[in-house]
Amino acid sequence: MTEQSRRFLRLRQVKELVGLGRSSIYQKIHSGEFPKPHALGARAVAWLSDDIYAWMESRIAGNNHEG
């Protein structure tokens, strides 16, 4: 992914991309299994698209079993 295509994703977009709900995402963040969001302001957070796509690739790679 190029830096030009890097962008912030809000929770709604992250949920759509990864297929998880809010609670599951935050549980995985707490356990260290999912990227942490970045603060945009006092009450707004977002994830870097690079972080989310890398997490998705790691899930794909982890599920590719030979045999």
C-alpha atoms as a PDB file:
ATOM      1  CA  MET A   1       0.000   0.000   0.000  1.00  0.00           C
ATOM      2  CA  THR A   2       1.381   3.406  -0.901  1.00  0.00           C
ATOM      3  CA  GLU A   3       1.456   6.367   1.415  1.00  0.00           C
ATOM      4  CA  GLN A   4      -0.976   8.132  -0.918  1.00  0.00           C
ATOM      5  CA  SER A   5      -3.586   5.461  -0.242  1.00  0.00           C
ATOM      6  CA  ARG A   6      -2.950   5.468   3.523  1.00  0.00           C
ATOM      7  CA  ARG A   7      -5.948   6.867   5.331  1.00  0.00           C
ATOM      8  CA  PHE A   8      -7.791   6.830   8.600  1.00  0.00           C
ATOM      9  CA  LEU A   9     -10.673   4.415   8.969  1.00  0.00           C
ATOM     10  CA  ARG A  10     -13.443   4.974  11.460  1.00  0.00           C
ATOM     11  CA  LEU A  11     -14.986   2.114  13.443  1.00  0.00           C
ATOM     12  CA  ARG A  12     -17.852   1.626  10.984  1.00  0.00           C
ATOM     13  CA  GLN A  13     -15.391   1.137   8.130  1.00  0.00           C
ATOM     14  CA  VAL A  14     -13.167  -1.187  10.170  1.00  0.00           C
ATOM     15  CA  LYS A  15     -16.168  -3.324  11.125  1.00  0.00           C
ATOM     16  CA  GLU A  16     -17.180  -3.625   7.461  1.00  0.00           C
ATOM     17  CA  LEU A  17     -13.652  -4.558   6.362  1.00  0.00           C
ATOM     18  CA  VAL A  18     -12.842  -7.155   8.990  1.00  0.00           C
ATOM     19  CA  GLY A  19     -16.302  -8.601   9.597  1.00  0.00           C
ATOM     20  CA  LEU A  20     -16.171  -8.167  13.361  1.00  0.00           C
ATOM     21  CA  GLY A  21     -18.445  -6.212  15.671  1.00  0.00           C
ATOM     22  CA  ARG A  22     -17.456  -3.397  17.984  1.00  0.00           C
ATOM     23  CA  SER A  23     -17.187  -5.589  21.080  1.00  0.00           C
ATOM     24  CA  SER A  24     -15.027  -8.177  19.328  1.00  0.00           C
ATOM     25  CA  ILE A  25     -12.711  -5.502  17.964  1.00  0.00           C
ATOM     26  CA  TYR A  26     -12.202  -3.901  21.363  1.00  0.00           C
ATOM     27  CA  GLN A  27     -11.719  -7.300  23.047  1.00  0.00           C
ATOM     28  CA  LYS A  28      -9.015  -8.121  20.517  1.00  0.00           C
ATOM     29  CA  ILE A  29      -7.381  -4.713  21.061  1.00  0.00           C
ATOM     30  CA  HIS A  30      -7.331  -5.364  24.798  1.00  0.00           C
ATOM     31  CA  SER A  31      -5.727  -8.785  24.310  1.00  0.00           C
ATOM     32  CA  GLY A  32      -3.165  -7.418  21.846  1.00  0.00           C
ATOM     33  CA  GLU A  33      -4.623  -9.275  18.851  1.00  0.00           C
ATOM     34  CA  PHE A  34      -5.805  -6.218  16.896  1.00  0.00           C
ATOM     35  CA  PRO A  35      -4.258  -2.842  16.055  1.00  0.00           C
ATOM     36  CA  LYS A  36      -4.946   0.016  18.446  1.00  0.00           C
ATOM     37  CA  PRO A  37      -6.748   3.071  17.131  1.00  0.00           C
ATOM     38  CA  HIS A  38      -5.172   6.521  16.982  1.00  0.00           C
ATOM     39  CA  ALA A  39      -6.765   9.505  18.720  1.00  0.00           C
ATOM     40  CA  LEU A  40      -8.036  12.136  16.307  1.00  0.00           C
ATOM     41  CA  GLY A  41      -9.487  14.364  18.983  1.00  0.00           C
ATOM     42  CA  ALA A  42     -10.945  14.316  22.460  1.00  0.00           C
ATOM     43  CA  ARG A  43     -13.664  11.796  21.530  1.00  0.00           C
ATOM     44  CA  ALA A  44     -12.707  10.503  18.096  1.00  0.00           C
ATOM     45  CA  VAL A  45     -10.444   7.607  17.148  1.00  0.00           C
ATOM     46  CA  ALA A  46      -9.536   5.961  13.876  1.00  0.00           C
ATOM     47  CA  TRP A  47      -7.305   3.185  12.605  1.00  0.00           C
ATOM     48  CA  LEU A  48      -4.633   3.501   9.964  1.00  0.00           C
ATOM     49  CA  SER A  49      -5.683   1.600   6.874  1.00  0.00           C
ATOM     50  CA  ASP A  50      -2.164   0.115   6.671  1.00  0.00           C
ATOM     51  CA  ASP A  51      -2.590  -1.425  10.132  1.00  0.00           C
ATOM     52  CA  ILE A  52      -5.966  -2.933   9.282  1.00  0.00           C
ATOM     53  CA  TYR A  53      -4.858  -4.357   5.935  1.00  0.00           C
ATOM     54  CA  ALA A  54      -1.723  -5.827   7.554  1.00  0.00           C
ATOM     55  CA  TRP A  55      -3.894  -7.458  10.238  1.00  0.00           C
ATOM     56  CA  MET A  56      -6.167  -8.890   7.539  1.00  0.00           C
ATOM     57  CA  GLU A  57      -3.165 -10.277   5.638  1.00  0.00           C
ATOM     58  CA  SER A  58      -1.877 -11.900   8.827  1.00  0.00           C
ATOM     59  CA  ARG A  59      -5.261 -13.623   9.276  1.00  0.00           C
ATOM     60  CA  ILE A  60      -5.133 -14.872   5.692  1.00  0.00           C
ATOM     61  CA  ALA A  61      -1.550 -16.096   6.065  1.00  0.00           C
ATOM     62  CA  GLY A  62      -2.408 -17.809   9.344  1.00  0.00           C
ATOM     63  CA  ASN A  63      -5.307 -19.670   7.740  1.00  0.00           C
ATOM     64  CA  ASN A  64      -3.351 -20.987   4.761  1.00  0.00           C
ATOM     65  CA  HIS A  65      -2.517 -24.484   5.956  1.00  0.00           C
ATOM     66  CA  GLU A  66      -0.778 -26.863   3.605  1.00  0.00           C
ATOM     67  CA  GLY A  67      -2.209 -30.318   3.160  1.00  0.00           C
END
